[in-house]
Amino acid sequence: MMSRVGLGRSGLQVSKLCFGGNIFGWTVDAATSHRLLDGFVDAGFNFIDTADVYSKWHDGNQGGESETIIGTWLKARGKRDQVVIATKVGSDMGDGEKGLSKAYITRAVERSLRRLQTDYIDLYQSHWDDPSVPVEETLEAYAALIKAGKVRAIGASNFTPERLSAALKAHATQGLPRYESLQPEYNLYERAGFEGELAALCHREEIGVITYFSLAGGFLTGKYRSAADLGKSARGSDVEKYLDARGQRILGALDAVAAQTGATPTRVALAWLMAQPAVTAPIASATSPTQLAELVAAGTLILDAAALATLTAASAY
């Protein structure tokens, strides 16, 4: 079994890599999704991340597709106690159903539980901050869910240092639940938004960090080297912004370290993230058994100090 690490102070023990469920019901169908989840868990990992809104953006989808697919997998496999399921609330589901008000969270959690076919969510995360709602109201909603046994721990995603600090203060002064994790965009290319104030806050307060876009939409796999490569997948247009001089420098460093270690750029990029002191577990997705094998291999790759320094220097901003 892969080694486990604590997520913040939550008591949850998670694998050092998390499977991203945003692709379920979008770029992979239910049957393939189930096979990928089987492979991930069989390889010793236990951490799966999704959101109620996944994958509403895809033609014909309403949102909830990813949770539904994970739910049918959980029901079929009967391994609920062997996995840590993280989902999110707050994104726009249409018809005004969004945000972090107590009334909305109370409605939304029941829908997520139904789709996931489970009695409890291990990690329930505020997907986006909602400035229109006091942090205390949101935390009170979560307190009721934790008391009812429907949620084990809570996390935040896409929060500023100020708003995360305000929520931590409400926890400390009013006995409300504590955000045990933060989910920021963070990878070798996108470093500036997390490093600094947010990383320091998470480190100081022992908040677990689970990074999204860990491979920069596939750019850090080395699949996209020039504009000509952008047509290679449905997400190609999202990586065009990385094809600048700094992006090419990062790819060069990934290639060099990959050659030294006998690994691949994908594995190296994830191993760099896993080596960052603030990071608990990067989130990454796979749409095929080949891609899944890359994630599994990344879980055991340890980079030496020189390799880490090469990557950190090449990605300086």
Protein backbone atom coordinates (compact mmCIF):
# COMPACT_ATOMS: atom_id res chain seq x y z
CA MET A 1 0.00 0.00 0.00
CA MET A 2 1.15 3.54 -0.75
CA SER A 3 2.13 5.44 2.38
CA ARG A 4 -0.49 7.76 3.85
CA VAL A 5 -0.16 11.32 5.10
CA GLY A 6 -2.41 13.29 7.41
CA LEU A 7 -4.62 15.93 5.79
CA GLY A 8 -4.28 19.02 7.96
CA ARG A 9 -5.45 18.19 11.48
CA SER A 10 -8.53 16.37 10.20
CA GLY A 11 -7.45 12.86 11.13
CA LEU A 12 -8.01 11.81 7.49
CA GLN A 13 -5.14 9.73 6.12
CA VAL A 14 -4.67 10.17 2.37
CA SER A 15 -2.34 8.93 -0.35
CA LYS A 16 0.25 11.43 -1.58
CA LEU A 17 -1.56 11.65 -4.91
CA CYS A 18 -5.25 12.37 -5.46
CA PHE A 19 -7.29 11.29 -8.49
CA GLY A 20 -9.09 14.21 -10.14
CA GLY A 21 -12.69 13.35 -11.03
CA ASN A 22 -13.38 16.37 -13.25
CA ILE A 23 -12.99 14.18 -16.35
CA PHE A 24 -15.67 11.63 -15.37
CA GLY A 25 -18.68 12.07 -17.64
CA TRP A 26 -16.73 14.53 -19.79
CA THR A 27 -13.68 13.05 -21.53
CA VAL A 28 -14.23 9.52 -20.15
CA ASP A 29 -17.45 7.52 -19.92
CA ALA A 30 -18.72 5.68 -16.85
CA ALA A 31 -17.24 2.28 -17.70
CA THR A 32 -13.77 3.72 -18.34
CA SER A 33 -14.05 5.87 -15.20
CA HIS A 34 -14.77 2.77 -13.13
CA ARG A 35 -11.77 0.94 -14.59
CA LEU A 36 -9.50 3.91 -13.85
CA LEU A 37 -10.77 4.15 -10.27
CA ASP A 38 -10.21 0.41 -9.83
CA GLY A 39 -6.65 0.75 -11.09
CA PHE A 40 -5.94 3.74 -8.85
CA VAL A 41 -7.19 2.01 -5.70
CA ASP A 42 -5.60 -1.34 -6.62
CA ALA A 43 -2.25 0.50 -6.88
CA GLY A 44 -2.59 1.54 -3.24
CA PHE A 45 -4.02 5.06 -3.52
CA ASN A 46 -7.19 6.14 -1.69
CA PHE A 47 -7.88 9.84 -2.37
CA ILE A 48 -10.49 10.93 -4.96
CA ASP A 49 -11.55 14.53 -5.63
CA THR A 50 -14.67 15.73 -7.42
CA ALA A 51 -17.28 18.53 -7.26
CA ASP A 52 -21.02 18.86 -7.70
CA VAL A 53 -20.51 21.03 -10.80
CA TYR A 54 -18.37 18.44 -12.69
CA SER A 55 -18.91 18.38 -15.64
CA LYS A 56 -21.68 20.90 -16.27
CA TRP A 57 -19.63 22.63 -19.00
CA HIS A 58 -19.88 19.64 -21.35
CA ASP A 59 -22.67 19.70 -23.95
CA GLY A 60 -25.75 17.93 -22.65
CA ASN A 61 -24.54 17.76 -19.04
CA GLN A 62 -26.30 19.33 -16.06
CA GLY A 63 -23.59 18.93 -13.45
CA GLY A 64 -23.38 16.03 -11.02
CA GLU A 65 -22.12 13.58 -13.65
CA SER A 66 -18.78 12.98 -11.92
CA GLU A 67 -20.35 12.40 -8.49
CA THR A 68 -22.91 10.05 -10.06
CA ILE A 69 -20.19 7.96 -11.72
CA ILE A 70 -18.19 7.76 -8.48
CA GLY A 71 -21.40 6.80 -6.67
CA THR A 72 -22.17 3.86 -8.97
CA TRP A 73 -18.54 2.74 -8.60
CA LEU A 74 -18.72 2.93 -4.79
CA LYS A 75 -21.97 0.96 -4.77
CA ALA A 76 -20.63 -1.70 -7.13
CA ARG A 77 -17.29 -2.15 -5.33
CA GLY A 78 -18.39 -1.85 -1.69
CA LYS A 79 -15.08 -0.22 -0.72
CA ARG A 80 -16.49 2.96 0.81
CA ASP A 81 -14.37 2.74 3.97
CA GLN A 82 -11.17 2.25 1.95
CA VAL A 83 -11.36 5.57 0.09
CA VAL A 84 -11.38 9.25 1.00
CA ILE A 85 -13.97 11.08 -1.10
CA ALA A 86 -13.61 14.84 -1.47
CA THR A 87 -16.27 16.91 -3.19
CA LYS A 88 -17.14 20.61 -3.40
CA VAL A 89 -20.08 22.97 -3.11
CA GLY A 90 -20.65 26.55 -4.23
CA SER A 91 -20.19 26.60 -7.99
CA ASP A 92 -23.06 27.80 -10.16
CA MET A 93 -25.38 24.84 -10.85
CA GLY A 94 -27.91 27.02 -12.70
CA ASP A 95 -31.26 28.48 -11.60
CA GLY A 96 -29.56 30.51 -8.89
CA GLU A 97 -28.27 27.37 -7.12
CA LYS A 98 -24.81 28.45 -5.99
CA GLY A 99 -22.82 30.03 -3.19
CA LEU A 100 -22.03 29.30 0.43
CA SER A 101 -25.19 30.31 2.29
CA LYS A 102 -26.41 27.96 5.01
CA ALA A 103 -29.66 27.30 3.13
CA TYR A 104 -27.88 26.42 -0.11
CA ILE A 105 -25.20 24.20 1.47
CA THR A 106 -27.94 22.31 3.34
CA ARG A 107 -29.72 21.57 0.03
CA ALA A 108 -26.61 20.89 -2.02
CA VAL A 109 -25.06 18.37 0.36
CA GLU A 110 -28.14 16.12 0.14
CA ARG A 111 -27.85 16.08 -3.66
CA SER A 112 -24.15 15.21 -3.49
CA LEU A 113 -24.79 12.42 -0.96
CA ARG A 114 -27.52 10.99 -3.20
CA ARG A 115 -25.33 11.06 -6.30
CA LEU A 116 -22.36 9.58 -4.44
CA GLN A 117 -24.65 6.91 -2.92
CA THR A 118 -23.04 7.38 0.48
CA ASP A 119 -24.06 8.50 3.96
CA TYR A 120 -21.06 10.78 4.44
CA ILE A 121 -18.51 12.90 2.59
CA ASP A 122 -14.95 12.68 3.91
CA LEU A 123 -13.89 16.17 2.79
CA TYR A 124 -16.50 18.78 1.85
CA GLN A 125 -14.94 21.86 0.26
CA SER A 126 -16.09 25.42 -0.44
CA HIS A 127 -15.36 25.49 -4.19
CA TRP A 128 -15.14 29.29 -4.50
CA ASP A 129 -15.31 31.95 -1.85
CA ASP A 130 -18.69 33.69 -1.56
CA PRO A 131 -18.06 37.27 -0.38
CA SER A 132 -21.81 37.85 -0.01
CA VAL A 133 -21.99 35.38 2.91
CA PRO A 134 -20.25 35.85 6.29
CA VAL A 135 -17.65 33.14 6.88
CA GLU A 136 -19.42 32.33 10.15
CA GLU A 137 -22.67 31.42 8.36
CA THR A 138 -20.86 29.01 6.04
CA LEU A 139 -18.99 27.39 8.94
CA GLU A 140 -22.22 27.07 10.94
CA ALA A 141 -23.74 25.14 8.02
CA TYR A 142 -20.73 22.82 8.01
CA ALA A 143 -20.93 22.44 11.81
CA ALA A 144 -24.46 21.09 11.49
CA LEU A 145 -23.37 18.61 8.77
CA ILE A 146 -20.42 17.41 10.84
CA LYS A 147 -22.65 16.99 13.90
CA ALA A 148 -25.14 14.99 11.80
CA GLY A 149 -22.33 12.70 10.58
CA LYS A 150 -22.79 13.72 6.95
CA VAL A 151 -19.35 15.36 6.64
CA ARG A 152 -16.08 14.38 8.33
CA ALA A 153 -13.91 17.41 7.54
CA ILE A 154 -14.11 20.63 5.52
CA GLY A 155 -11.77 22.37 3.12
CA ALA A 156 -11.56 25.51 1.04
CA SER A 157 -10.68 25.98 -2.62
CA ASN A 158 -9.61 29.17 -4.42
CA PHE A 159 -9.58 31.28 -1.24
CA THR A 160 -7.44 34.37 -0.70
CA PRO A 161 -5.15 34.50 2.35
CA GLU A 162 -7.44 37.14 3.87
CA ARG A 163 -10.63 35.09 3.63
CA LEU A 164 -8.95 31.88 4.72
CA SER A 165 -7.52 33.75 7.73
CA ALA A 166 -11.00 35.12 8.56
CA ALA A 167 -12.42 31.58 8.55
CA LEU A 168 -9.58 30.35 10.76
CA LYS A 169 -10.22 33.22 13.17
CA ALA A 170 -13.92 32.30 13.35
CA HIS A 171 -12.87 28.74 14.18
CA ALA A 172 -10.50 29.90 16.91
CA THR A 173 -12.85 32.42 18.54
CA GLN A 174 -16.27 30.83 18.04
CA GLY A 175 -15.60 27.10 18.10
CA LEU A 176 -16.75 26.67 14.51
CA PRO A 177 -15.26 23.94 12.28
CA ARG A 178 -11.84 24.56 10.80
CA TYR A 179 -10.90 24.40 7.14
CA GLU A 180 -8.42 21.52 7.18
CA SER A 181 -7.32 21.85 3.56
CA LEU A 182 -6.86 24.35 0.78
CA GLN A 183 -7.15 23.51 -2.90
CA PRO A 184 -5.19 26.08 -4.92
CA GLU A 185 -4.05 26.10 -8.54
CA TYR A 186 -0.38 25.22 -8.24
CA ASN A 187 2.18 23.61 -10.55
CA LEU A 188 5.65 24.24 -11.94
CA TYR A 189 4.30 26.99 -14.20
CA GLU A 190 1.64 28.54 -11.93
CA ARG A 191 3.63 29.20 -8.76
CA ALA A 192 3.11 32.89 -7.94
CA GLY A 193 -0.52 32.61 -6.78
CA PHE A 194 0.19 30.07 -4.06
CA GLU A 195 3.80 30.58 -3.03
CA GLY A 196 4.25 33.34 -0.52
CA GLU A 197 1.38 34.35 1.75
CA LEU A 198 -0.95 31.38 1.11
CA ALA A 199 1.77 28.75 1.40
CA ALA A 200 3.08 30.35 4.59
CA LEU A 201 -0.42 30.46 6.11
CA CYS A 202 -1.07 26.80 5.29
CA HIS A 203 2.30 25.76 6.67
CA ARG A 204 1.86 27.79 9.86
CA GLU A 205 -1.71 26.62 10.51
CA GLU A 206 -1.08 22.98 9.47
CA ILE A 207 -3.61 23.15 6.65
CA GLY A 208 -3.34 20.37 4.09
CA VAL A 209 -2.77 21.48 0.49
CA ILE A 210 -4.21 19.57 -2.47
CA THR A 211 -3.20 21.20 -5.72
CA TYR A 212 -5.33 21.36 -8.86
CA PHE A 213 -4.12 21.80 -12.46
CA SER A 214 -1.04 19.98 -11.12
CA LEU A 215 0.08 19.26 -14.71
CA ALA A 216 -1.06 22.64 -16.09
CA GLY A 217 -3.82 21.10 -18.19
CA GLY A 218 -1.39 18.56 -19.63
CA PHE A 219 1.30 21.07 -20.61
CA LEU A 220 3.80 19.63 -18.10
CA THR A 221 3.47 16.15 -19.63
CA GLY A 222 5.45 17.48 -22.60
CA LYS A 223 2.61 16.70 -24.99
CA TYR A 224 2.31 20.31 -26.14
CA ARG A 225 5.58 21.73 -27.47
CA SER A 226 4.25 24.25 -29.99
CA ALA A 227 1.01 25.76 -31.29
CA ALA A 228 0.82 22.87 -33.75
CA ASP A 229 0.25 20.47 -30.83
CA LEU A 230 -2.80 22.28 -29.43
CA GLY A 231 -5.25 20.15 -31.43
CA LYS A 232 -4.11 16.98 -29.65
CA SER A 233 -6.95 17.02 -27.10
CA ALA A 234 -10.17 18.72 -26.02
CA ARG A 235 -8.14 20.75 -23.53
CA GLY A 236 -5.46 21.91 -25.97
CA SER A 237 -6.70 25.48 -26.19
CA ASP A 238 -6.24 25.84 -22.42
CA VAL A 239 -2.48 25.33 -22.61
CA GLU A 240 -1.64 27.88 -25.31
CA LYS A 241 -0.75 30.47 -22.65
CA TYR A 242 2.08 28.25 -21.38
CA LEU A 243 3.93 28.20 -24.71
CA ASP A 244 6.16 31.18 -23.86
CA ALA A 245 9.90 31.37 -23.15
CA ARG A 246 9.40 30.43 -19.50
CA GLY A 247 7.21 27.48 -20.47
CA GLN A 248 9.87 26.22 -22.87
CA ARG A 249 12.49 26.60 -20.14
CA ILE A 250 10.37 24.49 -17.79
CA LEU A 251 9.90 21.80 -20.46
CA GLY A 252 13.67 21.76 -21.00
CA ALA A 253 14.29 21.21 -17.28
CA LEU A 254 11.61 18.49 -17.14
CA ASP A 255 13.26 16.74 -20.10
CA ALA A 256 16.69 16.95 -18.46
CA VAL A 257 15.53 15.56 -15.11
CA ALA A 258 13.45 12.90 -16.85
CA ALA A 259 16.55 11.77 -18.77
CA GLN A 260 18.62 11.63 -15.56
CA THR A 261 16.01 9.66 -13.61
CA GLY A 262 14.69 7.43 -16.40
CA ALA A 263 11.23 8.86 -15.67
CA THR A 264 8.89 10.98 -17.83
CA PRO A 265 8.06 14.72 -17.64
CA THR A 266 4.66 13.83 -16.12
CA ARG A 267 6.20 11.88 -13.26
CA VAL A 268 8.88 14.51 -12.68
CA ALA A 269 6.37 17.40 -12.58
CA LEU A 270 4.22 15.57 -10.02
CA ALA A 271 7.24 14.49 -7.98
CA TRP A 272 8.38 18.13 -7.80
CA LEU A 273 4.96 19.09 -6.39
CA MET A 274 4.99 16.22 -3.89
CA ALA A 275 8.40 17.41 -2.68
CA GLN A 276 7.14 20.92 -1.84
CA PRO A 277 6.88 21.24 1.96
CA ALA A 278 3.40 22.81 1.93
CA VAL A 279 1.85 20.24 -0.43
CA THR A 280 -0.04 17.21 0.93
CA ALA A 281 -1.19 15.68 -2.36
CA PRO A 282 -1.35 16.92 -5.95
CA ILE A 283 -4.57 16.17 -7.82
CA ALA A 284 -4.10 14.67 -11.29
CA SER A 285 -6.37 12.96 -13.79
CA ALA A 286 -5.92 10.07 -16.20
CA THR A 287 -8.15 9.18 -19.13
CA SER A 288 -6.50 5.87 -20.06
CA PRO A 289 -4.64 2.98 -18.41
CA THR A 290 -1.40 4.38 -19.91
CA GLN A 291 -1.93 7.74 -18.24
CA LEU A 292 -2.93 6.04 -15.00
CA ALA A 293 0.36 4.09 -15.02
CA GLU A 294 2.15 7.47 -15.16
CA LEU A 295 0.33 8.68 -12.04
CA VAL A 296 1.08 5.46 -10.19
CA ALA A 297 4.78 5.70 -11.12
CA ALA A 298 4.90 9.35 -10.03
CA GLY A 299 3.76 8.24 -6.58
CA THR A 300 7.07 6.47 -5.97
CA LEU A 301 9.49 8.88 -7.68
CA ILE A 302 11.74 10.74 -5.24
CA LEU A 303 13.79 13.56 -6.79
CA ASP A 304 17.17 14.46 -5.30
CA ALA A 305 18.09 17.99 -4.22
CA ALA A 306 19.89 18.75 -7.49
CA ALA A 307 16.90 17.73 -9.63
CA LEU A 308 14.52 19.77 -7.47
CA ALA A 309 16.86 22.79 -7.71
CA THR A 310 17.01 22.48 -11.51
CA LEU A 311 13.22 22.52 -11.78
CA THR A 312 12.74 25.31 -9.26
CA ALA A 313 15.32 27.51 -11.03
CA ALA A 314 13.89 26.89 -14.51
CA SER A 315 10.40 27.80 -13.32
CA ALA A 316 11.48 30.97 -11.46
CA TYR A 317 9.04 33.85 -11.94
